N, C-alpha and C. Protein backbone atom coordinates (compact mmCIF):
# COMPACT_ATOMS: atom_id res chain seq x y z
N MET A 1 26.66 24.57 6.91
CA MET A 1 25.63 23.18 7.22
C MET A 1 24.22 23.05 7.17
N GLY A 2 23.41 22.34 6.23
CA GLY A 2 22.44 22.32 7.06
C GLY A 2 21.70 21.07 7.61
N LYS A 3 21.08 21.39 8.51
CA LYS A 3 20.76 19.94 9.57
C LYS A 3 20.56 18.43 8.57
N GLU A 4 20.83 17.82 9.05
CA GLU A 4 20.59 16.59 8.58
C GLU A 4 18.99 16.29 8.75
N LYS A 5 18.64 15.55 7.82
CA LYS A 5 16.76 14.64 8.12
C LYS A 5 16.95 13.86 8.26
N THR A 6 15.80 13.45 8.98
CA THR A 6 15.49 12.27 10.00
C THR A 6 14.87 11.70 8.82
N HIS A 7 15.09 10.26 8.87
CA HIS A 7 14.35 9.42 8.17
C HIS A 7 13.28 8.48 8.60
N ILE A 8 12.15 8.38 8.18
CA ILE A 8 11.27 7.77 8.74
C ILE A 8 10.51 6.82 8.16
N ASN A 9 10.52 5.27 8.35
CA ASN A 9 9.54 4.29 7.65
C ASN A 9 8.20 4.32 8.44
N ILE A 10 7.45 4.41 6.85
CA ILE A 10 6.40 3.75 7.79
C ILE A 10 5.78 2.65 7.11
N VAL A 11 4.88 1.94 7.61
CA VAL A 11 4.65 0.62 6.91
C VAL A 11 2.66 0.54 7.00
N VAL A 12 2.37 0.37 6.14
CA VAL A 12 0.87 0.03 6.03
C VAL A 12 0.69 -1.23 5.70
N ILE A 13 -0.21 -1.33 7.01
CA ILE A 13 -0.89 -2.89 6.84
C ILE A 13 -2.06 -3.29 6.70
N GLY A 14 -2.27 -4.55 6.97
CA GLY A 14 -4.07 -4.47 7.04
C GLY A 14 -4.73 -6.01 6.21
N HIS A 15 -5.46 -6.25 6.32
CA HIS A 15 -6.11 -7.72 5.95
C HIS A 15 -6.30 -7.73 3.81
N ILE A 16 -6.27 -8.38 3.57
CA ILE A 16 -6.15 -9.20 2.36
C ILE A 16 -7.38 -8.09 1.78
N ASP A 17 -7.48 -6.99 0.93
CA ASP A 17 -8.67 -6.32 0.31
C ASP A 17 -9.55 -5.33 0.99
N SER A 18 -7.87 -4.97 1.40
CA SER A 18 -8.84 -3.91 3.14
C SER A 18 -8.61 -2.59 2.62
N GLY A 19 -8.20 -2.62 1.04
CA GLY A 19 -7.25 -1.00 0.73
C GLY A 19 -6.41 -0.64 0.35
N LYS A 20 -5.07 -1.33 1.43
CA LYS A 20 -3.60 -1.07 1.72
C LYS A 20 -2.96 -0.28 0.38
N SER A 21 -3.40 -0.97 -0.64
CA SER A 21 -2.39 -0.36 -2.10
C SER A 21 -3.00 0.70 -2.12
N THR A 22 -4.07 0.74 -2.22
CA THR A 22 -5.43 1.66 -3.22
C THR A 22 -5.33 3.12 -2.21
N THR A 23 -5.20 2.64 -1.14
CA THR A 23 -5.28 4.32 0.08
C THR A 23 -4.18 5.08 -0.31
N THR A 24 -3.07 4.18 -0.31
CA THR A 24 -1.84 4.43 0.40
C THR A 24 -1.33 5.23 -1.82
N GLY A 25 -1.83 4.57 -2.51
CA GLY A 25 -1.30 5.11 -3.71
C GLY A 25 -1.86 6.30 -3.95
N HIS A 26 -3.72 6.57 -3.54
CA HIS A 26 -4.15 7.58 -3.60
C HIS A 26 -3.59 8.75 -2.64
N LEU A 27 -2.67 8.12 -1.40
CA LEU A 27 -2.96 9.27 -0.26
C LEU A 27 -1.04 10.07 -1.60
N ILE A 28 -0.42 9.05 -2.21
CA ILE A 28 1.28 9.36 -2.89
C ILE A 28 0.57 10.40 -3.83
N TYR A 29 -0.47 9.54 -4.77
CA TYR A 29 -0.47 11.09 -5.70
C TYR A 29 -1.17 12.10 -5.06
N LYS A 30 -2.16 12.44 -3.97
CA LYS A 30 -2.44 13.51 -3.98
C LYS A 30 -1.46 14.04 -3.30
N CYS A 31 -0.09 13.68 -2.66
CA CYS A 31 0.92 14.38 -2.06
C CYS A 31 1.88 15.19 -2.79
N SER A 32 1.94 14.01 -4.36
CA SER A 32 2.86 14.50 -5.32
C SER A 32 2.31 15.25 -6.43
N GLY A 33 1.18 15.17 -6.59
CA GLY A 33 0.21 16.15 -7.51
C GLY A 33 0.58 15.60 -9.00
N ASN A 34 1.02 14.25 -9.30
CA ASN A 34 2.13 13.93 -10.33
C ASN A 34 0.71 13.33 -10.84
N LYS A 35 -0.08 14.42 -11.88
CA LYS A 35 -1.48 13.63 -12.61
C LYS A 35 -1.08 13.21 -14.07
N ARG A 36 0.02 12.95 -14.49
CA ARG A 36 0.53 12.35 -15.49
C ARG A 36 0.87 10.87 -15.37
N THR A 37 1.32 10.57 -14.26
CA THR A 37 1.32 9.46 -14.04
C THR A 37 -0.01 9.00 -13.49
N THR A 38 -0.84 9.28 -12.66
CA THR A 38 -1.77 8.45 -12.45
C THR A 38 -2.80 8.84 -13.56
N GLU A 39 -2.78 9.20 -14.70
CA GLU A 39 -3.73 9.38 -16.06
C GLU A 39 -2.89 8.45 -16.42
N LYS A 40 -1.87 7.51 -16.76
CA LYS A 40 -1.10 6.29 -17.25
C LYS A 40 -1.73 5.33 -16.90
N PHE A 41 -1.79 5.31 -15.30
CA PHE A 41 -2.10 4.11 -14.89
C PHE A 41 -3.16 3.90 -14.76
N GLU A 42 -4.58 4.95 -14.63
CA GLU A 42 -5.70 4.75 -14.95
C GLU A 42 -5.66 4.50 -16.33
N LYS A 43 -5.48 4.14 -17.42
CA LYS A 43 -5.44 3.67 -18.79
C LYS A 43 -5.50 2.60 -18.60
N GLN A 44 -3.77 2.33 -17.94
CA GLN A 44 -3.53 0.41 -18.48
C GLN A 44 -4.81 -0.19 -17.62
N ALA A 45 -5.04 0.46 -15.93
CA ALA A 45 -5.57 -0.45 -15.65
C ALA A 45 -7.28 -0.73 -16.41
N ALA A 46 -8.05 0.52 -16.89
CA ALA A 46 -8.83 0.19 -17.55
C ALA A 46 -8.52 -0.60 -18.95
N GLU A 47 -7.66 -0.87 -19.80
CA GLU A 47 -7.48 -1.44 -20.30
C GLU A 47 -7.37 -3.21 -19.89
N MET A 48 -6.88 -2.98 -18.91
CA MET A 48 -6.70 -4.66 -18.20
C MET A 48 -8.39 -5.38 -17.36
N GLY A 49 -9.33 -3.88 -17.72
CA GLY A 49 -10.82 -4.20 -17.05
C GLY A 49 -10.35 -4.59 -15.09
N LYS A 50 -9.24 -3.43 -14.87
CA LYS A 50 -9.20 -3.56 -13.53
C LYS A 50 -9.58 -1.73 -13.12
N GLY A 51 -10.30 -0.95 -13.25
CA GLY A 51 -9.83 -0.03 -13.64
C GLY A 51 -10.05 0.78 -11.83
N SER A 52 -10.61 -0.17 -11.22
CA SER A 52 -10.53 0.45 -10.08
C SER A 52 -9.21 0.84 -9.16
N PHE A 53 -8.47 -0.15 -9.81
CA PHE A 53 -7.06 -0.77 -9.22
C PHE A 53 -6.05 0.69 -9.30
N LYS A 54 -6.46 1.74 -10.49
CA LYS A 54 -5.90 2.73 -10.61
C LYS A 54 -4.69 3.29 -9.64
N ASP A 55 -5.09 3.90 -8.56
CA ASP A 55 -4.06 4.13 -7.21
C ASP A 55 -3.30 3.00 -7.05
N ALA A 56 -3.77 1.86 -6.53
CA ALA A 56 -3.00 0.70 -5.92
C ALA A 56 -1.64 0.69 -7.00
N TRP A 57 -1.74 1.14 -8.32
CA TRP A 57 -0.62 0.53 -9.04
C TRP A 57 0.42 1.53 -9.07
N VAL A 58 0.41 2.55 -8.66
CA VAL A 58 1.13 3.61 -8.11
C VAL A 58 2.60 2.81 -7.19
N LEU A 59 2.27 2.10 -6.86
CA LEU A 59 2.65 0.90 -5.86
C LEU A 59 3.31 -0.21 -6.43
N ASP A 60 2.04 -1.01 -6.66
CA ASP A 60 1.56 -2.16 -7.49
C ASP A 60 2.76 -2.07 -8.32
N LYS A 61 3.95 -2.47 -8.99
CA LYS A 61 4.68 -2.13 -10.45
C LYS A 61 4.36 -3.45 -11.30
N LEU A 62 5.11 -4.64 -10.71
CA LEU A 62 5.12 -5.93 -11.10
C LEU A 62 3.76 -6.42 -11.67
N LYS A 63 3.77 -7.22 -12.63
CA LYS A 63 2.89 -7.48 -13.52
C LYS A 63 1.87 -8.38 -12.61
N ALA A 64 2.58 -9.74 -12.47
CA ALA A 64 1.89 -10.54 -11.61
C ALA A 64 1.22 -9.98 -10.37
N LYS A 65 1.52 -9.01 -9.86
CA LYS A 65 0.57 -8.23 -8.39
C LYS A 65 -0.60 -7.44 -9.45
N ARG A 66 -0.09 -6.75 -10.86
CA ARG A 66 -1.22 -5.97 -10.90
C ARG A 66 -2.46 -7.73 -11.48
N GLU A 67 -2.09 -8.43 -12.42
CA GLU A 67 -2.73 -9.35 -12.88
C GLU A 67 -3.91 -10.09 -11.48
N HIS A 68 -2.96 -10.73 -10.43
CA HIS A 68 -3.90 -10.94 -9.14
C HIS A 68 -4.17 -9.97 -8.66
N GLY A 69 -4.05 -8.68 -9.02
CA GLY A 69 -4.72 -7.50 -7.35
C GLY A 69 -4.42 -7.79 -5.98
N ILE A 70 -3.30 -8.53 -5.55
CA ILE A 70 -2.54 -8.66 -4.03
C ILE A 70 -1.17 -8.09 -4.34
N THR A 71 -0.64 -7.91 -3.06
CA THR A 71 0.58 -7.48 -3.05
C THR A 71 1.08 -8.64 -2.39
N ILE A 72 2.23 -9.24 -3.17
CA ILE A 72 2.59 -10.48 -2.28
C ILE A 72 4.28 -10.01 -1.75
N TYR A 73 4.66 -9.11 -2.35
CA TYR A 73 5.98 -8.85 -1.57
C TYR A 73 5.30 -7.10 -1.49
N ILE A 74 6.48 -6.67 -0.53
CA ILE A 74 6.67 -5.16 -0.28
C ILE A 74 6.72 -3.95 -1.42
N SER A 75 6.10 -3.29 -1.52
CA SER A 75 6.19 -1.96 -2.42
C SER A 75 6.60 -0.89 -1.47
N LEU A 76 7.73 -0.20 -2.11
CA LEU A 76 7.97 0.99 -1.40
C LEU A 76 7.77 2.25 -2.47
N TRP A 77 8.27 3.24 -1.83
CA TRP A 77 7.44 4.54 -2.20
C TRP A 77 8.45 5.32 -1.03
N LYS A 78 9.69 6.61 -1.88
CA LYS A 78 10.42 7.28 -1.29
C LYS A 78 10.31 9.34 -1.37
N PHE A 79 10.02 9.57 -1.01
CA PHE A 79 9.79 11.07 -1.11
C PHE A 79 10.48 11.68 0.25
N GLU A 80 10.87 13.22 0.66
CA GLU A 80 11.30 13.52 1.06
C GLU A 80 10.38 15.15 1.29
N THR A 81 10.32 15.81 2.57
CA THR A 81 9.69 16.59 2.75
C THR A 81 11.05 17.94 3.38
N SER A 82 10.57 19.02 3.79
CA SER A 82 11.97 19.65 4.04
C SER A 82 12.90 19.42 5.59
N LYS A 83 12.09 18.34 6.12
CA LYS A 83 12.28 18.02 7.49
C LYS A 83 12.64 16.64 7.55
N TYR A 84 12.05 15.66 6.74
CA TYR A 84 11.90 14.56 6.60
C TYR A 84 12.53 13.75 5.09
N TYR A 85 12.77 12.10 5.46
CA TYR A 85 12.85 11.49 4.03
C TYR A 85 11.85 10.42 4.60
N VAL A 86 11.51 10.07 3.85
CA VAL A 86 9.96 9.11 4.18
C VAL A 86 10.49 7.74 3.38
N THR A 87 10.23 6.60 3.66
CA THR A 87 9.93 5.12 3.29
C THR A 87 8.66 5.02 3.69
N ILE A 88 7.75 4.57 2.40
CA ILE A 88 6.11 4.11 2.82
C ILE A 88 6.48 2.67 2.08
N VAL A 89 6.07 1.70 3.08
CA VAL A 89 5.68 0.62 2.78
C VAL A 89 4.40 -0.41 2.68
N ASP A 90 4.50 -1.15 1.30
CA ASP A 90 3.00 -1.56 1.28
C ASP A 90 3.41 -2.69 1.60
N ALA A 91 2.92 -3.31 2.96
CA ALA A 91 2.61 -4.54 2.90
C ALA A 91 1.95 -5.65 2.67
N PRO A 92 2.03 -6.72 2.30
CA PRO A 92 1.01 -7.88 1.95
C PRO A 92 -0.08 -8.11 3.25
N GLY A 93 -1.23 -8.05 2.59
CA GLY A 93 -1.87 -8.37 4.24
C GLY A 93 -2.58 -10.09 3.94
N HIS A 94 -2.43 -10.71 2.78
CA HIS A 94 -2.77 -12.20 3.00
C HIS A 94 -1.81 -12.59 3.64
N GLY A 95 -2.74 -13.79 4.24
CA GLY A 95 -2.05 -14.77 5.32
C GLY A 95 -0.69 -15.65 4.77
N ASP A 96 -0.91 -16.00 3.13
CA ASP A 96 0.26 -16.41 2.83
C ASP A 96 1.93 -16.05 2.80
N PHE A 97 1.76 -14.51 2.77
CA PHE A 97 2.84 -13.63 2.88
C PHE A 97 2.75 -12.81 4.20
N ILE A 98 2.37 -13.34 5.38
CA ILE A 98 2.72 -12.71 6.44
C ILE A 98 3.70 -12.53 7.06
N LYS A 99 4.84 -13.07 6.61
CA LYS A 99 6.35 -13.25 7.19
C LYS A 99 6.92 -12.08 6.49
N ASN A 100 6.64 -11.54 5.22
CA ASN A 100 7.01 -10.83 4.57
C ASN A 100 6.51 -9.00 5.22
N MET A 101 5.54 -9.03 5.79
CA MET A 101 5.01 -8.08 6.36
C MET A 101 5.73 -7.99 7.99
N ASN A 102 5.66 -9.01 8.29
CA ASN A 102 6.29 -9.13 9.93
C ASN A 102 7.81 -8.54 9.32
N THR A 103 8.43 -8.84 8.22
CA THR A 103 10.10 -8.39 8.27
C THR A 103 9.85 -6.89 8.63
N GLU A 104 8.81 -6.36 7.59
CA GLU A 104 8.95 -4.75 7.23
C GLU A 104 8.32 -3.77 8.65
N ILE A 105 7.59 -4.94 9.51
CA ILE A 105 7.15 -4.21 11.00
C ILE A 105 8.42 -3.84 11.69
N SER A 106 9.18 -4.80 11.64
CA SER A 106 10.25 -4.97 12.87
C SER A 106 11.21 -3.76 12.27
N ARG A 107 11.00 -3.12 11.17
CA ARG A 107 11.83 -2.29 11.11
C ARG A 107 11.16 -0.75 10.97
N ALA A 108 10.07 -0.63 10.76
CA ALA A 108 9.13 0.39 10.89
C ALA A 108 9.24 1.46 12.44
N ASP A 109 9.25 2.86 11.84
CA ASP A 109 8.91 3.36 12.87
C ASP A 109 7.71 3.82 13.29
N CYS A 110 6.70 3.98 12.21
CA CYS A 110 5.50 4.10 12.57
C CYS A 110 4.64 2.98 11.54
N VAL A 111 3.27 2.45 12.33
CA VAL A 111 2.34 1.48 11.06
C VAL A 111 0.96 2.27 11.30
N ALA A 112 1.21 2.12 9.99
CA ALA A 112 -0.76 2.77 9.74
C ALA A 112 -1.55 1.34 9.19
N LEU A 113 -2.81 1.47 10.51
CA LEU A 113 -3.18 -0.37 10.14
C LEU A 113 -4.74 0.27 9.11
N ILE A 114 -4.76 -0.39 7.88
CA ILE A 114 -6.01 0.10 7.00
C ILE A 114 -6.69 -0.91 7.84
N VAL A 115 -8.54 -0.07 7.93
CA VAL A 115 -9.19 -1.41 8.36
C VAL A 115 -10.71 -1.75 7.10
N THR A 116 -10.78 -2.39 6.54
CA THR A 116 -12.31 -2.43 5.45
C THR A 116 -13.41 -2.17 6.31
N ALA A 117 -13.99 -0.93 6.12
CA ALA A 117 -15.16 -1.01 6.46
C ALA A 117 -16.62 -1.50 6.13
N GLY A 118 -16.59 -2.18 4.87
CA GLY A 118 -17.32 -2.65 4.31
C GLY A 118 -18.62 -3.04 4.96
N VAL A 119 -19.75 -3.34 4.66
CA VAL A 119 -20.96 -4.26 5.41
C VAL A 119 -20.51 -5.48 5.98
N GLY A 120 -19.98 -5.86 7.06
CA GLY A 120 -19.67 -7.40 7.14
C GLY A 120 -18.76 -8.10 7.17
N LYS A 121 -18.21 -7.13 6.55
CA LYS A 121 -16.16 -7.63 6.07
C LYS A 121 -15.17 -7.63 7.16
N PHE A 122 -15.75 -6.64 8.32
CA PHE A 122 -14.59 -6.62 9.55
C PHE A 122 -15.12 -8.11 9.87
N GLU A 123 -16.79 -8.13 10.38
CA GLU A 123 -16.73 -9.21 10.91
C GLU A 123 -16.26 -10.58 10.61
N ALA A 124 -16.66 -10.37 9.12
CA ALA A 124 -16.02 -11.95 8.72
C ALA A 124 -14.14 -12.05 8.67
N ILE A 125 -13.88 -11.20 8.43
CA ILE A 125 -12.19 -11.46 8.97
C ILE A 125 -12.09 -11.73 10.38
N THR A 126 -12.27 -10.97 10.97
CA THR A 126 -12.01 -11.16 12.96
C THR A 126 -13.23 -12.03 13.50
N SER A 127 -14.14 -13.24 12.69
CA SER A 127 -14.82 -14.15 13.13
C SER A 127 -13.83 -15.68 13.74
N LYS A 128 -14.31 -16.24 14.05
CA LYS A 128 -13.97 -17.52 14.13
C LYS A 128 -12.90 -18.29 13.42
N ASN A 129 -13.65 -18.45 12.35
CA ASN A 129 -13.02 -19.21 11.48
C ASN A 129 -12.89 -18.33 10.37
N GLY A 130 -12.26 -16.70 10.82
CA GLY A 130 -11.44 -15.46 9.89
C GLY A 130 -10.12 -15.94 9.90
N LYS A 131 -9.62 -15.15 8.85
CA LYS A 131 -8.24 -15.53 8.91
C LYS A 131 -7.13 -14.24 9.35
N THR A 132 -7.88 -13.71 10.53
CA THR A 132 -7.21 -12.40 11.22
C THR A 132 -7.61 -13.03 12.41
């Protein structure tokens, strides 16, 4: 009998519009190499006038999430490697949905923080009047 695999929960967090879903979706695509699925999302996103969201749609399957472009509830993606069962959780970054993010962080083995690098964006979210 083979050795049982370890399960790892990875939660991706960050401020709203920092690119959590897009970055995570792109990494999942790069790791899985499923070109057909990505082409489908690319076509659907373009039809809705949201072409840049194609990678985010790997995780954002709900119509409301796609229309509004924000993560409200968590999104999961599961895969396995030779050593691990991995669950990636895309957590919401909007202030109104922080409770959903906190619930997932409490279950995480690892948390990846995505920080926006746009000029002035990081400063805006961490300023005295910012949301973070």
